[in-house]
């Protein structure tokens, strides 16, 4: 089975601290965990200040369905207000190889 990675990169809006954004992201946990096809998620911040929200889904339909439902959730407006909208890049990629510890 080929999994699909949803990769969203962005910078935070002026005035949003990393700690605030992590807390905002955690408000989406129940939705993401309960979405059909969810496999894995991680959030990281690079030294350049760009963030990456990396979510693995079991298939493209699951990834696209979750992406369509995400903005309709109660927590979404707060998360999106904390992100610079001009910086957002989102893509879906087939996972071709996976290695875990």
N, C-alpha and C. Protein backbone atom coordinates (compact mmCIF):
# COMPACT_ATOMS: atom_id res chain seq x y z
N UNK A 1 0.85 -1.18 0.00
CA UNK A 1 0.00 0.00 0.00
C UNK A 1 0.89 1.24 0.00
N UNK A 2 0.58 2.19 -0.86
CA UNK A 2 1.32 3.44 -0.92
C UNK A 2 0.64 4.47 -0.04
N UNK A 3 1.38 5.01 0.88
CA UNK A 3 0.86 6.08 1.72
C UNK A 3 1.07 7.42 1.00
N UNK A 4 0.40 8.45 1.49
CA UNK A 4 0.50 9.78 0.92
C UNK A 4 0.93 10.75 2.01
N UNK A 5 1.94 11.55 1.71
CA UNK A 5 2.41 12.58 2.64
C UNK A 5 1.78 13.91 2.25
N UNK A 6 1.17 14.55 3.22
CA UNK A 6 0.66 15.91 3.05
C UNK A 6 1.71 16.81 3.70
N UNK A 7 2.32 17.68 2.92
CA UNK A 7 3.41 18.51 3.40
C UNK A 7 2.99 19.97 3.25
N UNK A 8 2.87 20.65 4.38
CA UNK A 8 2.47 22.05 4.38
C UNK A 8 3.61 22.85 5.01
N UNK A 9 4.15 23.81 4.25
CA UNK A 9 5.19 24.68 4.78
C UNK A 9 4.65 26.10 4.85
N UNK A 10 5.14 26.86 5.85
CA UNK A 10 4.61 28.20 6.09
C UNK A 10 5.49 28.93 7.10
N UNK A 11 5.24 30.22 7.24
CA UNK A 11 5.82 31.00 8.33
C UNK A 11 4.67 31.52 9.18
N UNK A 12 5.00 31.88 10.41
CA UNK A 12 3.97 32.39 11.31
C UNK A 12 3.67 33.85 11.01
N UNK A 13 2.46 34.26 11.33
CA UNK A 13 2.07 35.66 11.21
C UNK A 13 2.82 36.47 12.26
N UNK A 14 3.05 37.73 11.97
CA UNK A 14 3.71 38.61 12.94
C UNK A 14 2.95 38.58 14.26
N UNK A 15 3.71 38.45 15.34
CA UNK A 15 3.10 38.47 16.67
C UNK A 15 2.76 37.10 17.22
N UNK A 16 2.87 36.05 16.40
CA UNK A 16 2.59 34.69 16.88
C UNK A 16 3.90 34.05 17.31
N UNK A 17 3.95 33.55 18.53
CA UNK A 17 5.16 32.88 19.01
C UNK A 17 5.11 31.40 18.66
N UNK A 18 6.27 30.76 18.59
CA UNK A 18 6.27 29.32 18.34
C UNK A 18 5.47 28.55 19.39
N UNK A 19 5.58 28.93 20.63
CA UNK A 19 4.83 28.25 21.70
C UNK A 19 3.33 28.37 21.49
N UNK A 20 2.87 29.56 21.10
CA UNK A 20 1.45 29.76 20.83
C UNK A 20 0.99 28.88 19.66
N UNK A 21 1.83 28.81 18.62
CA UNK A 21 1.41 28.03 17.46
C UNK A 21 1.36 26.53 17.77
N UNK A 22 2.30 26.04 18.54
CA UNK A 22 2.26 24.62 18.90
C UNK A 22 0.97 24.32 19.66
N UNK A 23 0.59 25.19 20.58
CA UNK A 23 -0.67 24.98 21.33
C UNK A 23 -1.87 25.02 20.39
N UNK A 24 -1.87 25.96 19.44
CA UNK A 24 -2.96 26.02 18.46
C UNK A 24 -3.01 24.74 17.63
N UNK A 25 -1.86 24.25 17.24
CA UNK A 25 -1.82 23.02 16.44
C UNK A 25 -2.37 21.84 17.22
N UNK A 26 -2.09 21.80 18.49
CA UNK A 26 -2.57 20.69 19.32
C UNK A 26 -4.10 20.67 19.40
N UNK A 27 -4.75 21.80 19.17
CA UNK A 27 -6.22 21.81 19.18
C UNK A 27 -6.80 21.03 18.01
N UNK A 28 -5.99 20.77 16.98
CA UNK A 28 -6.45 20.01 15.81
C UNK A 28 -6.25 18.51 15.98
N UNK A 29 -5.64 18.09 17.09
CA UNK A 29 -5.26 16.68 17.26
C UNK A 29 -6.45 15.73 17.17
N UNK A 30 -7.53 16.01 17.86
CA UNK A 30 -8.68 15.10 17.85
C UNK A 30 -9.24 14.93 16.44
N UNK A 31 -9.34 16.02 15.70
CA UNK A 31 -9.85 15.93 14.33
C UNK A 31 -8.93 15.07 13.47
N UNK A 32 -7.64 15.35 13.50
CA UNK A 32 -6.70 14.62 12.65
C UNK A 32 -6.65 13.14 13.04
N UNK A 33 -6.57 12.86 14.34
CA UNK A 33 -6.51 11.47 14.79
C UNK A 33 -7.75 10.66 14.37
N UNK A 34 -8.90 11.31 14.36
CA UNK A 34 -10.14 10.59 14.04
C UNK A 34 -10.45 10.56 12.54
N UNK A 35 -9.68 11.28 11.74
CA UNK A 35 -9.93 11.30 10.30
C UNK A 35 -9.58 9.94 9.70
N UNK A 36 -10.46 9.40 8.87
CA UNK A 36 -10.16 8.12 8.23
C UNK A 36 -8.85 8.18 7.45
N UNK A 37 -8.00 7.20 7.66
CA UNK A 37 -6.75 7.11 6.90
C UNK A 37 -5.56 7.79 7.55
N UNK A 38 -5.73 8.40 8.72
CA UNK A 38 -4.60 9.05 9.38
C UNK A 38 -3.58 8.00 9.82
N UNK A 39 -2.27 8.29 9.58
CA UNK A 39 -1.22 7.37 9.99
C UNK A 39 -0.19 8.03 10.91
N UNK A 40 0.20 9.27 10.62
CA UNK A 40 1.31 9.89 11.36
C UNK A 40 1.31 11.39 11.11
N UNK A 41 1.77 12.15 12.11
CA UNK A 41 1.88 13.61 11.94
C UNK A 41 3.05 14.13 12.76
N UNK A 42 3.75 15.10 12.21
CA UNK A 42 4.78 15.81 12.96
C UNK A 42 4.84 17.26 12.50
N UNK A 43 5.23 18.12 13.41
CA UNK A 43 5.34 19.55 13.16
C UNK A 43 6.75 19.97 13.50
N UNK A 44 7.40 20.68 12.60
CA UNK A 44 8.77 21.11 12.86
C UNK A 44 8.97 22.56 12.42
N UNK A 45 10.02 23.16 12.98
CA UNK A 45 10.39 24.53 12.62
C UNK A 45 11.87 24.54 12.25
N UNK A 46 12.19 25.09 11.10
CA UNK A 46 13.57 25.18 10.65
C UNK A 46 14.28 26.39 11.22
N UNK A 47 15.58 26.39 11.12
CA UNK A 47 16.38 27.51 11.60
C UNK A 47 16.03 28.81 10.88
N UNK A 48 15.50 28.70 9.66
CA UNK A 48 15.11 29.88 8.89
C UNK A 48 13.74 30.42 9.28
N UNK A 49 13.08 29.76 10.25
CA UNK A 49 11.77 30.21 10.71
C UNK A 49 10.60 29.57 9.99
N UNK A 50 10.86 28.82 8.91
CA UNK A 50 9.77 28.15 8.20
C UNK A 50 9.36 26.91 8.98
N UNK A 51 8.06 26.66 8.95
CA UNK A 51 7.48 25.51 9.64
C UNK A 51 7.08 24.46 8.60
N UNK A 52 7.04 23.20 9.02
CA UNK A 52 6.54 22.11 8.19
C UNK A 52 5.58 21.27 9.02
N UNK A 53 4.37 21.13 8.52
CA UNK A 53 3.38 20.23 9.11
C UNK A 53 3.31 19.05 8.16
N UNK A 54 3.76 17.89 8.63
CA UNK A 54 3.92 16.71 7.80
C UNK A 54 2.96 15.64 8.30
N UNK A 55 1.98 15.29 7.46
CA UNK A 55 0.96 14.32 7.85
C UNK A 55 0.97 13.18 6.83
N UNK A 56 0.99 11.96 7.34
CA UNK A 56 0.96 10.79 6.46
C UNK A 56 -0.43 10.16 6.54
N UNK A 57 -0.98 9.90 5.35
CA UNK A 57 -2.30 9.29 5.20
C UNK A 57 -2.16 7.96 4.47
N UNK A 58 -3.14 7.09 4.63
CA UNK A 58 -3.07 5.78 3.99
C UNK A 58 -3.24 5.85 2.47
N UNK A 59 -3.90 6.90 1.98
CA UNK A 59 -4.11 7.02 0.53
C UNK A 59 -4.47 8.47 0.19
N UNK A 60 -4.48 8.76 -1.10
CA UNK A 60 -4.75 10.12 -1.57
C UNK A 60 -6.16 10.58 -1.22
N UNK A 61 -7.14 9.69 -1.32
CA UNK A 61 -8.51 10.09 -0.99
C UNK A 61 -8.61 10.55 0.46
N UNK A 62 -7.99 9.82 1.37
CA UNK A 62 -8.02 10.19 2.79
C UNK A 62 -7.36 11.56 2.98
N UNK A 63 -6.23 11.78 2.32
CA UNK A 63 -5.53 13.06 2.44
C UNK A 63 -6.38 14.21 1.91
N UNK A 64 -6.98 14.02 0.76
CA UNK A 64 -7.79 15.07 0.16
C UNK A 64 -9.07 15.33 0.94
N UNK A 65 -9.69 14.27 1.46
CA UNK A 65 -10.91 14.43 2.26
C UNK A 65 -10.61 15.23 3.54
N UNK A 66 -9.51 14.88 4.21
CA UNK A 66 -9.15 15.60 5.44
C UNK A 66 -8.82 17.06 5.13
N UNK A 67 -8.10 17.30 4.04
CA UNK A 67 -7.76 18.67 3.65
C UNK A 67 -9.02 19.49 3.37
N UNK A 68 -10.03 18.86 2.78
CA UNK A 68 -11.28 19.56 2.49
C UNK A 68 -12.07 19.86 3.76
N UNK A 69 -12.01 18.97 4.75
CA UNK A 69 -12.77 19.15 5.99
C UNK A 69 -12.05 20.05 6.99
N UNK A 70 -10.74 20.12 6.93
CA UNK A 70 -9.95 20.88 7.90
C UNK A 70 -10.44 22.32 8.09
N UNK A 71 -10.63 23.09 7.01
CA UNK A 71 -11.04 24.50 7.20
C UNK A 71 -12.42 24.68 7.84
N UNK A 72 -13.22 23.64 7.86
CA UNK A 72 -14.58 23.71 8.41
C UNK A 72 -14.62 23.46 9.92
N UNK A 73 -13.47 23.10 10.50
CA UNK A 73 -13.42 22.76 11.92
C UNK A 73 -13.32 24.02 12.78
N UNK A 74 -13.79 23.94 14.02
CA UNK A 74 -13.81 25.10 14.93
C UNK A 74 -12.42 25.68 15.17
N UNK A 75 -11.40 24.86 15.22
CA UNK A 75 -10.05 25.32 15.53
C UNK A 75 -9.36 25.97 14.34
N UNK A 76 -9.85 25.76 13.14
CA UNK A 76 -9.14 26.16 11.92
C UNK A 76 -8.91 27.67 11.82
N UNK A 77 -9.90 28.46 12.17
CA UNK A 77 -9.76 29.92 12.04
C UNK A 77 -8.60 30.44 12.90
N UNK A 78 -8.48 29.94 14.11
CA UNK A 78 -7.39 30.36 14.99
C UNK A 78 -6.03 29.96 14.46
N UNK A 79 -5.94 28.75 13.93
CA UNK A 79 -4.67 28.30 13.36
C UNK A 79 -4.29 29.13 12.15
N UNK A 80 -5.27 29.35 11.28
CA UNK A 80 -4.97 30.10 10.05
C UNK A 80 -4.62 31.55 10.34
N UNK A 81 -5.20 32.13 11.38
CA UNK A 81 -4.87 33.52 11.74
C UNK A 81 -3.44 33.63 12.24
N UNK A 82 -2.88 32.53 12.72
CA UNK A 82 -1.51 32.53 13.25
C UNK A 82 -0.46 32.28 12.17
N UNK A 83 -0.90 32.03 10.94
CA UNK A 83 -0.01 31.72 9.82
C UNK A 83 -0.05 32.87 8.80
N UNK A 84 1.12 33.22 8.26
CA UNK A 84 1.19 34.20 7.17
C UNK A 84 0.61 33.54 5.92
N UNK A 85 -0.56 33.99 5.45
CA UNK A 85 -1.23 33.31 4.33
C UNK A 85 -0.41 33.32 3.04
N UNK A 86 0.44 34.32 2.86
CA UNK A 86 1.25 34.41 1.64
C UNK A 86 2.37 33.36 1.63
N UNK A 87 2.66 32.78 2.78
CA UNK A 87 3.79 31.85 2.87
C UNK A 87 3.39 30.38 2.72
N UNK A 88 2.10 30.09 2.69
CA UNK A 88 1.64 28.70 2.73
C UNK A 88 1.86 27.99 1.39
N UNK A 89 2.49 26.81 1.48
CA UNK A 89 2.64 25.92 0.34
C UNK A 89 2.20 24.54 0.81
N UNK A 90 1.28 23.93 0.05
CA UNK A 90 0.77 22.61 0.42
C UNK A 90 0.87 21.69 -0.78
N UNK A 91 1.32 20.46 -0.50
CA UNK A 91 1.38 19.48 -1.58
C UNK A 91 1.14 18.08 -1.00
N UNK A 92 0.74 17.18 -1.87
CA UNK A 92 0.56 15.77 -1.53
C UNK A 92 1.53 14.96 -2.39
N UNK A 93 2.25 14.04 -1.74
CA UNK A 93 3.24 13.23 -2.44
C UNK A 93 3.07 11.77 -2.05
N UNK A 94 3.29 10.86 -2.99
CA UNK A 94 3.29 9.44 -2.69
C UNK A 94 4.56 9.10 -1.91
N UNK A 95 4.40 8.37 -0.82
CA UNK A 95 5.54 7.92 -0.04
C UNK A 95 6.09 6.67 -0.73
N UNK A 96 7.33 6.75 -1.17
CA UNK A 96 7.92 5.67 -1.93
C UNK A 96 8.78 4.75 -1.06
N UNK A 97 9.21 5.25 0.08
CA UNK A 97 10.05 4.46 0.97
C UNK A 97 9.91 5.03 2.36
N UNK A 98 9.90 4.18 3.36
CA UNK A 98 9.75 4.61 4.74
C UNK A 98 10.73 3.83 5.60
N UNK A 99 11.38 4.54 6.54
CA UNK A 99 12.29 3.88 7.47
C UNK A 99 12.00 4.40 8.86
N UNK A 100 11.84 3.52 9.80
CA UNK A 100 11.60 3.91 11.19
C UNK A 100 12.64 3.26 12.09
N UNK A 101 12.73 3.74 13.30
CA UNK A 101 13.72 3.20 14.24
C UNK A 101 13.39 1.79 14.64
